[in-house]
């Protein structure tokens, strides 16, 4: 798909904009293997994803940076970054994220143990030291493969190179590995926190500074 004209911003200025970005992310991650595993029923997953993504975007902590792409005034992509030394999130943000996650999938409480195993696995392997952490990258399904992701990633990677700081992310989709390699990310780990759940890959990009 050809690139469409996009406007790129580095913040969301209102609760309404956060809600709009959360819906974009929810649509993008609706077919993600991790969320299908946690919430197989389609309606539950649709409801839960919107709440979960809204919680994530609202509580990235003081070093959160939400890049967003707009087309004709509408948000069509979101890249949620955490600046160096912003992860782990402050304790208050962690509590709010946990409460929001529990609320998102309250109708299916059995998902919580699996979700917590994934969270603990992610925290255990997260590198120490300064990093730019890509917590969420999502493009509305209608705008995927049109340059939205690159527009949200490349400005921060240029900053990584200027500052001499690496970037880091996790992904639950094997198809995404080749995509992120285009930007210089390489696989660090393949995790399987739940035996019957999907794997999780961690990726790191060494700065070119």
Protein backbone atom coordinates (compact mmCIF):
# COMPACT_ATOMS: atom_id res chain seq x y z
CA UNK A 1 0.00 0.00 0.00
CA UNK A 2 1.35 3.46 -0.87
CA UNK A 3 2.27 5.90 1.84
CA UNK A 4 -0.56 8.25 2.75
CA UNK A 5 -0.13 11.83 3.88
CA UNK A 6 0.38 11.83 7.64
CA UNK A 7 0.79 14.39 10.38
CA UNK A 8 3.04 13.25 13.25
CA UNK A 9 2.67 14.57 16.79
CA UNK A 10 4.52 13.67 19.98
CA UNK A 11 1.70 14.02 22.51
CA UNK A 12 -1.99 13.46 23.09
CA UNK A 13 -3.58 16.58 24.54
CA UNK A 14 -6.89 15.37 25.91
CA UNK A 15 -8.70 12.36 27.32
CA UNK A 16 -10.69 12.18 24.08
CA UNK A 17 -7.47 11.86 22.06
CA UNK A 18 -6.20 9.12 24.38
CA UNK A 19 -9.48 7.27 23.93
CA UNK A 20 -9.22 7.61 20.14
CA UNK A 21 -5.62 6.33 20.15
CA UNK A 22 -6.62 3.45 22.45
CA UNK A 23 -9.33 2.35 20.02
CA UNK A 24 -6.79 2.36 17.17
CA UNK A 25 -4.44 0.20 19.24
CA UNK A 26 -7.29 -2.11 20.27
CA UNK A 27 -8.23 -2.71 16.63
CA UNK A 28 -4.60 -3.30 15.69
CA UNK A 29 -4.02 -5.86 18.46
CA UNK A 30 -7.40 -7.60 18.17
CA UNK A 31 -5.86 -10.56 16.30
CA UNK A 32 -2.69 -10.65 18.41
CA UNK A 33 -2.00 -14.25 19.56
CA UNK A 34 -1.39 -13.14 23.16
CA UNK A 35 -4.76 -11.43 23.51
CA UNK A 36 -6.59 -14.23 21.69
CA UNK A 37 -5.06 -16.62 24.23
CA UNK A 38 -6.15 -14.47 27.17
CA UNK A 39 -9.64 -13.71 25.88
CA UNK A 40 -10.86 -16.06 23.14
CA UNK A 41 -14.48 -14.77 23.08
CA UNK A 42 -14.60 -12.05 20.42
CA UNK A 43 -16.86 -9.56 22.22
CA UNK A 44 -14.98 -9.90 25.49
CA UNK A 45 -11.69 -9.34 23.71
CA UNK A 46 -12.97 -6.26 21.87
CA UNK A 47 -14.22 -4.72 25.12
CA UNK A 48 -11.15 -5.71 27.08
CA UNK A 49 -8.66 -4.46 24.50
CA UNK A 50 -10.13 -0.96 24.48
CA UNK A 51 -9.93 -0.69 28.28
CA UNK A 52 -6.46 -2.24 28.42
CA UNK A 53 -4.98 0.06 25.78
CA UNK A 54 -6.58 3.13 27.35
CA UNK A 55 -5.00 2.15 30.66
CA UNK A 56 -1.57 1.64 29.09
CA UNK A 57 -1.59 4.99 27.32
CA UNK A 58 -2.79 6.90 30.38
CA UNK A 59 -0.22 5.42 32.74
CA UNK A 60 3.12 5.35 30.96
CA UNK A 61 4.64 7.41 33.75
CA UNK A 62 6.38 10.79 33.65
CA UNK A 63 8.81 9.64 30.95
CA UNK A 64 6.16 8.34 28.59
CA UNK A 65 6.07 9.75 25.06
CA UNK A 66 3.10 8.98 22.84
CA UNK A 67 3.89 9.50 19.19
CA UNK A 68 0.77 9.54 17.03
CA UNK A 69 0.04 9.66 13.33
CA UNK A 70 -3.01 11.44 11.94
CA UNK A 71 -4.68 11.35 8.57
CA UNK A 72 -7.21 14.06 7.78
CA UNK A 73 -7.38 14.91 11.48
CA UNK A 74 -8.02 11.36 12.70
CA UNK A 75 -5.52 9.30 14.72
CA UNK A 76 -4.51 6.26 12.67
CA UNK A 77 -1.39 5.13 14.51
CA UNK A 78 0.19 5.28 17.93
CA UNK A 79 3.71 4.60 19.19
CA UNK A 80 4.02 4.62 22.98
CA UNK A 81 7.62 5.06 24.07
CA UNK A 82 9.22 5.23 27.50
CA UNK A 83 12.33 7.39 27.68
CA UNK A 84 15.54 6.19 29.37
CA UNK A 85 15.20 5.44 33.09
CA UNK A 86 11.39 5.48 32.85
CA UNK A 87 11.06 1.69 33.21
CA UNK A 88 10.18 0.06 35.54
CA UNK A 89 7.21 2.38 35.78
CA UNK A 90 6.75 4.31 39.03
CA UNK A 91 4.88 2.29 41.66
CA UNK A 92 1.69 4.34 41.33
CA UNK A 93 1.58 3.80 37.58
CA UNK A 94 2.13 0.07 38.01
CA UNK A 95 -0.83 -0.12 40.39
CA UNK A 96 -3.06 1.81 38.00
CA UNK A 97 -2.02 -0.42 35.10
CA UNK A 98 -2.76 -3.55 37.12
CA UNK A 99 -6.18 -2.26 38.20
CA UNK A 100 -7.02 -1.29 34.63
CA UNK A 101 -5.92 -4.67 33.30
CA UNK A 102 -8.03 -6.50 35.88
CA UNK A 103 -11.03 -4.36 34.95
CA UNK A 104 -10.47 -4.98 31.24
CA UNK A 105 -10.82 -8.74 31.56
CA UNK A 106 -12.97 -8.95 34.69
CA UNK A 107 -15.57 -11.20 32.97
CA UNK A 108 -12.81 -13.81 32.48
CA UNK A 109 -10.83 -13.82 35.75
CA UNK A 110 -8.94 -17.00 34.76
CA UNK A 111 -6.85 -14.88 32.39
CA UNK A 112 -5.16 -13.06 35.25
CA UNK A 113 -2.70 -15.83 36.24
CA UNK A 114 -1.51 -16.19 32.63
CA UNK A 115 -1.31 -12.43 32.22
CA UNK A 116 0.76 -12.10 35.38
CA UNK A 117 3.17 -14.81 34.18
CA UNK A 118 3.79 -12.85 31.00
CA UNK A 119 4.28 -9.61 32.94
CA UNK A 120 6.77 -11.22 35.31
CA UNK A 121 8.69 -12.77 32.40
CA UNK A 122 8.87 -9.37 30.68
CA UNK A 123 10.09 -7.64 33.83
CA UNK A 124 12.68 -10.34 34.52
CA UNK A 125 14.47 -9.99 31.18
CA UNK A 126 14.07 -6.24 30.65
CA UNK A 127 17.61 -4.86 30.30
CA UNK A 128 19.13 -2.64 32.94
CA UNK A 129 20.50 0.74 32.07
CA UNK A 130 19.25 3.56 29.82
CA UNK A 131 17.01 2.48 26.94
CA UNK A 132 14.27 3.85 24.77
CA UNK A 133 11.49 1.30 25.31
CA UNK A 134 8.79 0.85 22.67
CA UNK A 135 5.83 -0.29 24.75
CA UNK A 136 3.14 -0.15 22.03
CA UNK A 137 3.27 0.28 18.27
CA UNK A 138 -0.04 0.10 16.45
CA UNK A 139 -1.57 1.21 13.18
CA UNK A 140 -5.25 1.06 12.39
CA UNK A 141 -5.82 -2.04 10.23
CA UNK A 142 -6.94 0.15 7.33
CA UNK A 143 -3.60 1.98 7.44
CA UNK A 144 -1.22 -0.90 7.96
CA UNK A 145 1.57 -1.24 5.39
CA UNK A 146 1.23 2.43 4.49
CA UNK A 147 4.20 3.83 6.41
CA UNK A 148 2.46 4.62 9.71
CA UNK A 149 4.73 2.42 11.82
CA UNK A 150 7.91 3.83 10.28
CA UNK A 151 6.68 7.38 10.85
CA UNK A 152 6.23 6.61 14.55
CA UNK A 153 9.49 4.71 15.01
CA UNK A 154 12.10 6.53 12.94
CA UNK A 155 12.11 9.88 14.81
CA UNK A 156 12.87 8.14 18.11
CA UNK A 157 15.51 5.90 16.55
CA UNK A 158 17.21 8.99 15.15
CA UNK A 159 17.18 10.35 18.69
CA UNK A 160 18.64 7.06 19.94
CA UNK A 161 21.54 7.44 17.53
CA UNK A 162 22.09 11.07 18.51
CA UNK A 163 22.08 10.18 22.21
CA UNK A 164 23.99 6.91 21.80
CA UNK A 165 21.21 4.93 23.51
CA UNK A 166 19.78 1.54 22.51
CA UNK A 167 16.09 0.79 21.89
CA UNK A 168 14.14 -2.22 23.12
CA UNK A 169 10.74 -3.85 22.58
CA UNK A 170 8.70 -7.04 22.95
CA UNK A 171 6.40 -8.61 20.39
CA UNK A 172 4.04 -11.57 20.43
CA UNK A 173 3.83 -11.94 16.65
CA UNK A 174 6.52 -13.85 14.81
CA UNK A 175 5.61 -11.97 11.63
CA UNK A 176 6.74 -8.77 13.34
CA UNK A 177 10.34 -9.94 13.68
CA UNK A 178 11.19 -9.22 10.05
CA UNK A 179 9.41 -5.87 10.27
CA UNK A 180 11.43 -4.69 13.27
CA UNK A 181 14.66 -5.97 11.76
CA UNK A 182 14.19 -3.35 9.05
CA UNK A 183 14.85 -0.74 11.74
CA UNK A 184 17.89 -2.53 13.15
CA UNK A 185 16.26 -4.54 15.96
CA UNK A 186 17.51 -8.07 16.57
CA UNK A 187 16.02 -10.88 18.66
CA UNK A 188 17.45 -11.20 22.15
CA UNK A 189 15.15 -13.82 23.71
CA UNK A 190 12.24 -16.08 22.91
CA UNK A 191 10.11 -16.58 26.00
CA UNK A 192 7.21 -18.92 26.68
CA UNK A 193 5.83 -17.91 30.08
CA UNK A 194 2.75 -20.15 29.69
CA UNK A 195 3.16 -23.64 28.25
CA UNK A 196 -0.04 -23.53 26.18
CA UNK A 197 0.27 -19.84 25.33
CA UNK A 198 2.00 -18.07 22.46
CA UNK A 199 5.71 -17.22 22.65
CA UNK A 200 7.05 -13.75 23.27
CA UNK A 201 10.14 -12.26 21.61
CA UNK A 202 12.33 -9.50 22.98
CA UNK A 203 14.30 -7.35 20.54
CA UNK A 204 17.02 -4.76 20.93
CA UNK A 205 18.53 -2.18 18.59
CA UNK A 206 22.07 -1.01 19.15
CA UNK A 207 22.43 2.72 18.62
CA UNK A 208 24.47 3.93 15.68
CA UNK A 209 25.77 6.93 17.58
